[in-house]
Amino acid sequence: MGLNMRSRIEGSVRDEPITLELPVQPNGEVVAARTDVGIVHWRAPEWAARTVEAVKSAQPVSPRSITVHDNSAFDPVDCRYINAEVKITPSSNIGFVGAANRMLSDWIARSEAEYFLLMSHDSVVPPSALLLLQAAMDAVPAVGVKRRKVGR
């Protein structure tokens, strides 16, 4: 059967029904991650550490890499236990959008991953987040950005 076996998830994009095809290997494992993750952090290292660990434990797909942009440099907090591959520490707080732009620019210049997931340090990350993001982006190629609905 090889890598052509598929699993399906029903969903919708802009209220239009779609089926997300999840490529799986014969043993049931999903094909490798194609997503890098960027987390903007400001003065809450315990939240950032929790978000990093949630992303790392995503199943069945984990991220290719995780970058944490620490905007706390002007008023340092202890970030040593945030277990990310890359930590960016600017000399001043450049804000969420500035940090996002910097991480996206770095990602475009250096990464071979297909997708980049940007989040804040207090994001809640369901175990299947990366898998669903990849499947949704694959299902609707015309959509360049996906976001979670914010608010209640």
N, C-alpha and C. Protein backbone atom coordinates (compact mmCIF):
# COMPACT_ATOMS: atom_id res chain seq x y z
N MET A 1 0.81 -1.20 0.00
CA MET A 1 0.00 0.00 0.00
C MET A 1 0.85 1.26 0.00
N GLY A 2 2.01 1.26 0.61
CA GLY A 2 2.93 2.39 0.57
C GLY A 2 2.38 3.67 1.15
N LEU A 3 2.93 4.78 0.70
CA LEU A 3 2.56 6.09 1.23
C LEU A 3 1.27 6.64 0.66
N ASN A 4 0.58 5.92 -0.20
CA ASN A 4 -0.65 6.43 -0.79
C ASN A 4 -1.88 6.20 0.08
N MET A 5 -1.72 5.44 1.16
CA MET A 5 -2.84 5.25 2.07
C MET A 5 -3.24 6.60 2.62
N ARG A 6 -4.53 6.84 2.85
CA ARG A 6 -4.96 8.13 3.34
C ARG A 6 -6.00 7.98 4.42
N SER A 7 -6.04 8.99 5.28
CA SER A 7 -7.07 9.10 6.29
C SER A 7 -7.79 10.40 6.01
N ARG A 8 -9.07 10.52 6.40
CA ARG A 8 -9.85 11.71 6.06
C ARG A 8 -10.40 12.40 7.30
N ILE A 9 -10.48 13.72 7.21
CA ILE A 9 -11.15 14.52 8.23
C ILE A 9 -12.10 15.45 7.48
N GLU A 10 -13.34 15.48 7.89
CA GLU A 10 -14.32 16.38 7.27
C GLU A 10 -14.28 17.72 8.01
N GLY A 11 -14.38 18.82 7.29
CA GLY A 11 -14.37 20.14 7.90
C GLY A 11 -14.94 21.17 6.95
N SER A 12 -14.65 22.43 7.21
CA SER A 12 -15.12 23.48 6.31
C SER A 12 -14.13 24.64 6.32
N VAL A 13 -14.10 25.36 5.20
CA VAL A 13 -13.33 26.58 5.05
C VAL A 13 -14.28 27.61 4.49
N ARG A 14 -14.41 28.72 5.21
CA ARG A 14 -15.35 29.77 4.80
C ARG A 14 -16.74 29.19 4.58
N ASP A 15 -17.15 28.33 5.48
CA ASP A 15 -18.46 27.67 5.46
C ASP A 15 -18.68 26.74 4.29
N GLU A 16 -17.61 26.43 3.53
CA GLU A 16 -17.70 25.47 2.45
C GLU A 16 -17.13 24.14 2.95
N PRO A 17 -17.86 23.03 2.78
CA PRO A 17 -17.34 21.75 3.26
C PRO A 17 -16.11 21.31 2.47
N ILE A 18 -15.13 20.78 3.18
CA ILE A 18 -13.94 20.21 2.53
C ILE A 18 -13.59 18.91 3.25
N THR A 19 -12.81 18.10 2.58
CA THR A 19 -12.28 16.89 3.18
C THR A 19 -10.77 17.03 3.22
N LEU A 20 -10.19 16.89 4.41
CA LEU A 20 -8.74 16.96 4.54
C LEU A 20 -8.19 15.55 4.40
N GLU A 21 -7.30 15.37 3.45
CA GLU A 21 -6.67 14.07 3.22
C GLU A 21 -5.36 14.04 3.99
N LEU A 22 -5.22 13.10 4.90
CA LEU A 22 -4.03 12.99 5.72
C LEU A 22 -3.20 11.80 5.26
N PRO A 23 -2.06 12.05 4.58
CA PRO A 23 -1.25 10.94 4.10
C PRO A 23 -0.66 10.15 5.27
N VAL A 24 -0.84 8.85 5.23
CA VAL A 24 -0.31 8.00 6.30
C VAL A 24 0.51 6.87 5.70
N GLN A 25 1.45 6.38 6.48
CA GLN A 25 2.27 5.25 6.08
C GLN A 25 1.52 3.97 6.43
N PRO A 26 1.94 2.84 5.89
CA PRO A 26 1.24 1.57 6.16
C PRO A 26 1.11 1.26 7.65
N ASN A 27 2.07 1.71 8.47
CA ASN A 27 2.01 1.44 9.91
C ASN A 27 1.10 2.43 10.64
N GLY A 28 0.46 3.35 9.89
CA GLY A 28 -0.46 4.31 10.49
C GLY A 28 0.16 5.64 10.85
N GLU A 29 1.50 5.77 10.73
CA GLU A 29 2.15 7.03 11.05
C GLU A 29 1.94 8.02 9.92
N VAL A 30 1.75 9.28 10.28
CA VAL A 30 1.58 10.33 9.28
C VAL A 30 2.94 10.74 8.75
N VAL A 31 2.97 11.14 7.50
CA VAL A 31 4.20 11.58 6.85
C VAL A 31 4.78 12.78 7.59
N ALA A 32 6.07 12.99 7.45
CA ALA A 32 6.85 13.97 8.21
C ALA A 32 6.29 15.39 8.20
N ALA A 33 6.66 16.12 9.24
CA ALA A 33 6.26 17.52 9.41
C ALA A 33 6.87 18.39 8.31
N ARG A 34 6.09 19.39 7.93
CA ARG A 34 6.56 20.34 6.94
C ARG A 34 6.34 21.76 7.46
N THR A 35 6.31 21.93 8.78
CA THR A 35 5.97 23.20 9.40
C THR A 35 7.03 23.61 10.42
N ASP A 36 7.48 24.86 10.35
CA ASP A 36 8.29 25.47 11.39
C ASP A 36 7.36 26.32 12.25
N VAL A 37 7.73 26.52 13.51
CA VAL A 37 6.89 27.26 14.45
C VAL A 37 7.67 28.44 15.00
N GLY A 38 7.00 29.59 15.10
CA GLY A 38 7.57 30.79 15.72
C GLY A 38 6.67 31.25 16.84
N ILE A 39 7.25 31.52 18.00
CA ILE A 39 6.48 31.95 19.17
C ILE A 39 7.02 33.28 19.64
N VAL A 40 6.13 34.27 19.75
CA VAL A 40 6.52 35.58 20.28
C VAL A 40 6.29 35.56 21.78
N HIS A 41 7.33 35.93 22.53
CA HIS A 41 7.29 35.86 23.98
C HIS A 41 7.54 37.24 24.59
N TRP A 42 6.82 37.56 25.66
CA TRP A 42 7.07 38.78 26.42
C TRP A 42 6.74 38.55 27.89
N ARG A 43 7.77 38.48 28.72
CA ARG A 43 7.67 38.47 30.18
C ARG A 43 6.81 37.36 30.79
N ALA A 44 6.69 36.24 30.14
CA ALA A 44 5.96 35.11 30.72
C ALA A 44 6.65 33.81 30.31
N PRO A 45 7.88 33.59 30.81
CA PRO A 45 8.62 32.41 30.35
C PRO A 45 7.93 31.09 30.66
N GLU A 46 7.17 31.04 31.75
CA GLU A 46 6.48 29.78 32.06
C GLU A 46 5.42 29.47 31.02
N TRP A 47 4.75 30.49 30.50
CA TRP A 47 3.77 30.27 29.43
C TRP A 47 4.47 29.85 28.15
N ALA A 48 5.57 30.55 27.83
CA ALA A 48 6.31 30.21 26.61
C ALA A 48 6.83 28.78 26.67
N ALA A 49 7.36 28.39 27.83
CA ALA A 49 7.88 27.02 27.98
C ALA A 49 6.75 26.00 27.79
N ARG A 50 5.58 26.29 28.34
CA ARG A 50 4.43 25.38 28.21
C ARG A 50 3.99 25.28 26.74
N THR A 51 3.98 26.41 26.03
CA THR A 51 3.59 26.40 24.62
C THR A 51 4.61 25.62 23.79
N VAL A 52 5.90 25.84 24.05
CA VAL A 52 6.95 25.10 23.32
C VAL A 52 6.78 23.60 23.54
N GLU A 53 6.58 23.19 24.77
CA GLU A 53 6.43 21.75 25.05
C GLU A 53 5.18 21.17 24.40
N ALA A 54 4.09 21.95 24.38
CA ALA A 54 2.86 21.48 23.72
C ALA A 54 3.10 21.29 22.23
N VAL A 55 3.80 22.23 21.60
CA VAL A 55 4.10 22.12 20.17
C VAL A 55 5.00 20.91 19.92
N LYS A 56 6.00 20.72 20.77
CA LYS A 56 6.93 19.59 20.60
C LYS A 56 6.23 18.24 20.76
N SER A 57 5.18 18.21 21.58
CA SER A 57 4.50 16.93 21.79
C SER A 57 3.32 16.73 20.86
N ALA A 58 3.18 17.61 19.86
CA ALA A 58 2.09 17.48 18.89
C ALA A 58 2.16 16.10 18.24
N GLN A 59 1.01 15.49 18.04
CA GLN A 59 0.93 14.15 17.46
C GLN A 59 -0.05 14.16 16.30
N PRO A 60 0.16 13.39 15.31
CA PRO A 60 1.31 12.56 15.04
C PRO A 60 2.42 13.31 14.32
N VAL A 61 2.30 14.61 14.16
CA VAL A 61 3.31 15.42 13.47
C VAL A 61 3.90 16.41 14.47
N SER A 62 5.22 16.47 14.54
CA SER A 62 5.87 17.48 15.36
C SER A 62 6.53 18.50 14.43
N PRO A 63 6.89 19.68 14.95
CA PRO A 63 7.44 20.72 14.07
C PRO A 63 8.86 20.39 13.63
N ARG A 64 9.26 20.98 12.51
CA ARG A 64 10.64 20.85 12.06
C ARG A 64 11.56 21.63 12.99
N SER A 65 11.14 22.86 13.37
CA SER A 65 11.93 23.67 14.30
C SER A 65 11.01 24.63 15.02
N ILE A 66 11.50 25.13 16.16
CA ILE A 66 10.75 26.12 16.95
C ILE A 66 11.68 27.30 17.23
N THR A 67 11.20 28.50 16.95
CA THR A 67 11.93 29.73 17.26
C THR A 67 11.12 30.52 18.26
N VAL A 68 11.77 30.99 19.32
CA VAL A 68 11.11 31.87 20.29
C VAL A 68 11.75 33.24 20.20
N HIS A 69 10.94 34.25 19.96
CA HIS A 69 11.40 35.64 19.92
C HIS A 69 11.04 36.26 21.26
N ASP A 70 12.06 36.61 22.04
CA ASP A 70 11.85 37.13 23.40
C ASP A 70 11.88 38.66 23.39
N ASN A 71 10.72 39.27 23.53
CA ASN A 71 10.62 40.73 23.56
C ASN A 71 10.86 41.31 24.95
N SER A 72 11.37 40.52 25.88
CA SER A 72 11.57 40.97 27.26
C SER A 72 12.95 41.53 27.52
N ALA A 73 13.75 41.75 26.51
CA ALA A 73 15.16 42.10 26.69
C ALA A 73 15.36 43.36 27.53
N PHE A 74 14.48 44.33 27.41
CA PHE A 74 14.66 45.57 28.16
C PHE A 74 14.39 45.37 29.65
N ASP A 75 13.74 44.30 30.01
CA ASP A 75 13.42 43.96 31.40
C ASP A 75 13.53 42.44 31.51
N PRO A 76 14.76 41.92 31.48
CA PRO A 76 14.96 40.48 31.32
C PRO A 76 14.27 39.62 32.38
N VAL A 77 13.76 38.50 31.92
CA VAL A 77 13.24 37.46 32.79
C VAL A 77 14.01 36.19 32.46
N ASP A 78 13.96 35.22 33.32
CA ASP A 78 14.73 33.99 33.13
C ASP A 78 14.06 33.11 32.08
N CYS A 79 14.70 33.00 30.92
CA CYS A 79 14.15 32.21 29.82
C CYS A 79 15.01 30.98 29.53
N ARG A 80 15.93 30.65 30.42
CA ARG A 80 16.85 29.54 30.15
C ARG A 80 16.13 28.22 29.97
N TYR A 81 14.98 28.04 30.60
CA TYR A 81 14.31 26.74 30.52
C TYR A 81 13.31 26.65 29.38
N ILE A 82 13.24 27.66 28.52
CA ILE A 82 12.41 27.55 27.32
C ILE A 82 13.22 26.75 26.31
N ASN A 83 12.77 25.55 25.99
CA ASN A 83 13.53 24.58 25.23
C ASN A 83 13.23 24.69 23.73
N ALA A 84 13.69 25.78 23.11
CA ALA A 84 13.49 25.97 21.67
C ALA A 84 14.84 25.87 20.96
N GLU A 85 14.81 25.51 19.68
CA GLU A 85 16.04 25.39 18.91
C GLU A 85 16.71 26.74 18.72
N VAL A 86 15.92 27.79 18.52
CA VAL A 86 16.44 29.12 18.26
C VAL A 86 15.77 30.10 19.21
N LYS A 87 16.57 30.97 19.81
CA LYS A 87 16.02 32.05 20.63
C LYS A 87 16.55 33.36 20.09
N ILE A 88 15.66 34.29 19.82
CA ILE A 88 16.03 35.61 19.33
C ILE A 88 15.77 36.59 20.46
N THR A 89 16.79 37.37 20.81
CA THR A 89 16.62 38.35 21.88
C THR A 89 17.05 39.71 21.36
N PRO A 90 16.09 40.55 20.95
CA PRO A 90 16.44 41.89 20.48
C PRO A 90 16.84 42.77 21.65
N SER A 91 17.44 43.93 21.36
CA SER A 91 17.86 44.83 22.43
C SER A 91 16.70 45.63 23.01
N SER A 92 15.54 45.58 22.35
CA SER A 92 14.36 46.27 22.86
C SER A 92 13.11 45.51 22.44
N ASN A 93 11.99 45.87 23.05
CA ASN A 93 10.71 45.25 22.71
C ASN A 93 10.24 45.82 21.38
N ILE A 94 10.22 45.00 20.35
CA ILE A 94 9.80 45.47 19.03
C ILE A 94 8.34 45.12 18.74
N GLY A 95 7.64 44.62 19.75
CA GLY A 95 6.22 44.34 19.61
C GLY A 95 5.96 43.02 18.91
N PHE A 96 4.69 42.59 18.97
CA PHE A 96 4.31 41.31 18.37
C PHE A 96 4.53 41.32 16.86
N VAL A 97 4.08 42.39 16.20
CA VAL A 97 4.19 42.43 14.73
C VAL A 97 5.65 42.52 14.30
N GLY A 98 6.45 43.31 15.01
CA GLY A 98 7.88 43.39 14.69
C GLY A 98 8.56 42.04 14.84
N ALA A 99 8.23 41.35 15.94
CA ALA A 99 8.81 40.03 16.17
C ALA A 99 8.35 39.05 15.10
N ALA A 100 7.07 39.11 14.76
CA ALA A 100 6.53 38.23 13.72
C ALA A 100 7.24 38.48 12.39
N ASN A 101 7.39 39.74 12.03
CA ASN A 101 8.08 40.07 10.78
C ASN A 101 9.52 39.57 10.77
N ARG A 102 10.20 39.73 11.90
CA ARG A 102 11.60 39.27 11.97
C ARG A 102 11.67 37.75 11.81
N MET A 103 10.79 37.02 12.51
CA MET A 103 10.82 35.56 12.40
C MET A 103 10.45 35.10 10.99
N LEU A 104 9.44 35.74 10.40
CA LEU A 104 9.05 35.36 9.03
C LEU A 104 10.18 35.63 8.04
N SER A 105 10.85 36.78 8.18
CA SER A 105 11.98 37.10 7.29
C SER A 105 13.09 36.06 7.44
N ASP A 106 13.42 35.72 8.69
CA ASP A 106 14.45 34.70 8.93
C ASP A 106 14.02 33.36 8.35
N TRP A 107 12.74 33.01 8.52
CA TRP A 107 12.22 31.74 8.04
C TRP A 107 12.31 31.67 6.51
N ILE A 108 11.89 32.73 5.84
CA ILE A 108 11.94 32.76 4.38
C ILE A 108 13.38 32.61 3.89
N ALA A 109 14.32 33.24 4.59
CA ALA A 109 15.72 33.21 4.17
C ALA A 109 16.40 31.87 4.41
N ARG A 110 15.99 31.12 5.46
CA ARG A 110 16.78 29.95 5.84
C ARG A 110 16.07 28.61 5.78
N SER A 111 14.74 28.60 5.82
CA SER A 111 14.05 27.34 6.02
C SER A 111 13.63 26.66 4.72
N GLU A 112 13.56 25.34 4.79
CA GLU A 112 13.03 24.56 3.68
C GLU A 112 11.63 24.04 3.99
N ALA A 113 11.09 24.41 5.16
CA ALA A 113 9.74 23.97 5.52
C ALA A 113 8.72 24.65 4.61
N GLU A 114 7.62 23.98 4.36
CA GLU A 114 6.57 24.54 3.51
C GLU A 114 5.72 25.58 4.24
N TYR A 115 5.55 25.40 5.55
CA TYR A 115 4.63 26.25 6.30
C TYR A 115 5.30 26.81 7.54
N PHE A 116 4.77 27.95 7.99
CA PHE A 116 5.25 28.59 9.21
C PHE A 116 4.04 28.90 10.08
N LEU A 117 4.04 28.40 11.30
CA LEU A 117 2.96 28.64 12.25
C LEU A 117 3.45 29.66 13.26
N LEU A 118 2.79 30.82 13.31
CA LEU A 118 3.15 31.90 14.23
C LEU A 118 2.13 31.93 15.36
N MET A 119 2.63 32.03 16.60
CA MET A 119 1.72 32.07 17.74
C MET A 119 2.32 32.90 18.86
N SER A 120 1.48 33.26 19.81
CA SER A 120 1.96 33.97 20.99
C SER A 120 2.33 32.96 22.07
N HIS A 121 3.02 33.43 23.09
CA HIS A 121 3.53 32.54 24.14
C HIS A 121 2.43 31.88 24.97
N ASP A 122 1.22 32.40 24.91
CA ASP A 122 0.13 31.83 25.71
C ASP A 122 -0.86 31.02 24.87
N SER A 123 -0.42 30.58 23.71
CA SER A 123 -1.29 29.80 22.82
C SER A 123 -1.58 28.43 23.41
N VAL A 124 -2.80 27.97 23.18
CA VAL A 124 -3.19 26.61 23.53
C VAL A 124 -3.02 25.79 22.25
N VAL A 125 -2.25 24.72 22.34
CA VAL A 125 -1.91 23.93 21.15
C VAL A 125 -2.48 22.52 21.29
N PRO A 126 -3.57 22.23 20.57
CA PRO A 126 -4.11 20.86 20.61
C PRO A 126 -3.09 19.89 20.01
N PRO A 127 -3.10 18.65 20.42
CA PRO A 127 -2.11 17.68 19.92
C PRO A 127 -2.10 17.54 18.40
N SER A 128 -3.21 17.73 17.75
CA SER A 128 -3.26 17.53 16.29
C SER A 128 -3.11 18.84 15.51
N ALA A 129 -2.68 19.92 16.15
CA ALA A 129 -2.64 21.24 15.51
C ALA A 129 -1.81 21.26 14.23
N LEU A 130 -0.59 20.74 14.26
CA LEU A 130 0.27 20.80 13.08
C LEU A 130 -0.24 19.92 11.96
N LEU A 131 -0.75 18.76 12.31
CA LEU A 131 -1.32 17.85 11.32
C LEU A 131 -2.49 18.53 10.60
N LEU A 132 -3.39 19.14 11.37
CA LEU A 132 -4.56 19.79 10.77
C LEU A 132 -4.17 21.02 9.96
N LEU A 133 -3.19 21.78 10.44
CA LEU A 133 -2.72 22.94 9.68
C LEU A 133 -2.17 22.51 8.33
N GLN A 134 -1.31 21.51 8.32
CA GLN A 134 -0.74 21.03 7.06
C GLN A 134 -1.82 20.52 6.12
N ALA A 135 -2.75 19.75 6.64
CA ALA A 135 -3.82 19.21 5.79
C ALA A 135 -4.70 20.31 5.24
N ALA A 136 -5.02 21.31 6.07
CA ALA A 136 -5.87 22.42 5.61
C ALA A 136 -5.16 23.25 4.54
N MET A 137 -3.89 23.52 4.73
CA MET A 137 -3.14 24.29 3.74
C MET A 137 -3.02 23.50 2.43
N ASP A 138 -2.84 22.20 2.53
CA ASP A 138 -2.77 21.37 1.33
C ASP A 138 -4.12 21.32 0.61
N ALA A 139 -5.22 21.30 1.38
CA ALA A 139 -6.56 21.16 0.80
C ALA A 139 -7.01 22.41 0.06
N VAL A 140 -6.56 23.57 0.52
CA VAL A 140 -7.00 24.83 -0.09
C VAL A 140 -5.76 25.67 -0.40
N PRO A 141 -5.04 25.35 -1.48
CA PRO A 141 -3.78 26.03 -1.78
C PRO A 141 -3.93 27.54 -2.03
N ALA A 142 -5.11 27.99 -2.43
CA ALA A 142 -5.31 29.41 -2.70
C ALA A 142 -5.27 30.25 -1.41
N VAL A 143 -5.45 29.61 -0.27
CA VAL A 143 -5.42 30.33 1.00
C VAL A 143 -3.99 30.33 1.50
N GLY A 144 -3.40 31.52 1.65
CA GLY A 144 -2.02 31.62 2.07
C GLY A 144 -1.83 31.71 3.56
N VAL A 145 -2.88 32.06 4.28
CA VAL A 145 -2.77 32.25 5.73
C VAL A 145 -3.95 31.57 6.39
N LYS A 146 -3.68 30.86 7.46
CA LYS A 146 -4.75 30.27 8.28
C LYS A 146 -4.64 30.89 9.66
N ARG A 147 -5.76 31.12 10.30
CA ARG A 147 -5.72 31.60 11.68
C ARG A 147 -6.86 30.96 12.45
N ARG A 148 -6.64 30.86 13.71
CA ARG A 148 -7.69 30.36 14.59
C ARG A 148 -8.60 31.52 14.90
N LYS A 149 -9.88 31.24 14.99
CA LYS A 149 -10.82 32.28 15.34
C LYS A 149 -10.50 32.74 16.76
N VAL A 150 -10.35 34.04 16.93
CA VAL A 150 -10.00 34.60 18.23
C VAL A 150 -11.26 35.10 18.90
N GLY A 151 -11.34 34.90 20.19
CA GLY A 151 -12.52 35.37 20.93
C GLY A 151 -13.46 34.22 21.25
N ARG A 152 -14.57 34.57 21.82
CA ARG A 152 -15.53 33.54 22.23
C ARG A 152 -16.72 33.52 21.31
